[in-house]
Amino acid sequence: MIAETPSIRDASIVANLGERIMSVTGVTALDHTIQETNLWLKAIEEKLELGSRQQAYNALRAVLHALRDRVPPEVAIKLGAQLPILLRGIYYENWHAAGTPTKERHASDFADHVAMELPQQFPIAPLTVIRGVFEIAWEKLDPGEFEKLMHHLPVQIRELKS
């Protein structure tokens, strides 16, 4: 029988076998961030009723990038510090702090920003994606810090959290 290489999805399963804990990477911090990232993706996949973790990843990445680009750099950094290590890397991918914050004032403009980050023909409307990801972020992050972040957004964008 040929042993299979564990996938990232398999990495979310860290089984306690008596005193031994199975590790995918052999590095506790990496195993933990893979597990935490999978919890975020699973929650988004379920919340938005998506067909795969890949779609959940695409949704999370698009909203995090739009959010990061819309707030001042010091606020973006505070948000990044709250994310699991793996999500933090995705969050900062291709970030140019000097170009932030963007000037989107309306929910439709923010949704357009998210839509540009999503793959073509994504199965869910950008406004629905934003609402779902905001709800999961609210659950996973410190609510007080997330609320402070939201106050840096125009009212129309903040109202997407409701």
Foldseek 3Di string as FASTA:
>chain_A
DDDDQDDLLNLLDFDCDPPDTDHNPPDVLVSVLSNVLNVLLVQLCVLLVNDDSVLSVLLLLLLLQLLLQQFQVVLSVVLLVQHRPVVSCSSCPPDDNVNDNDDDQAPVVSLVSSVVSHDPPRPDRSLSSNCSSLQSCCVRGDVVSSVVSLVRGHPNSSVSPD
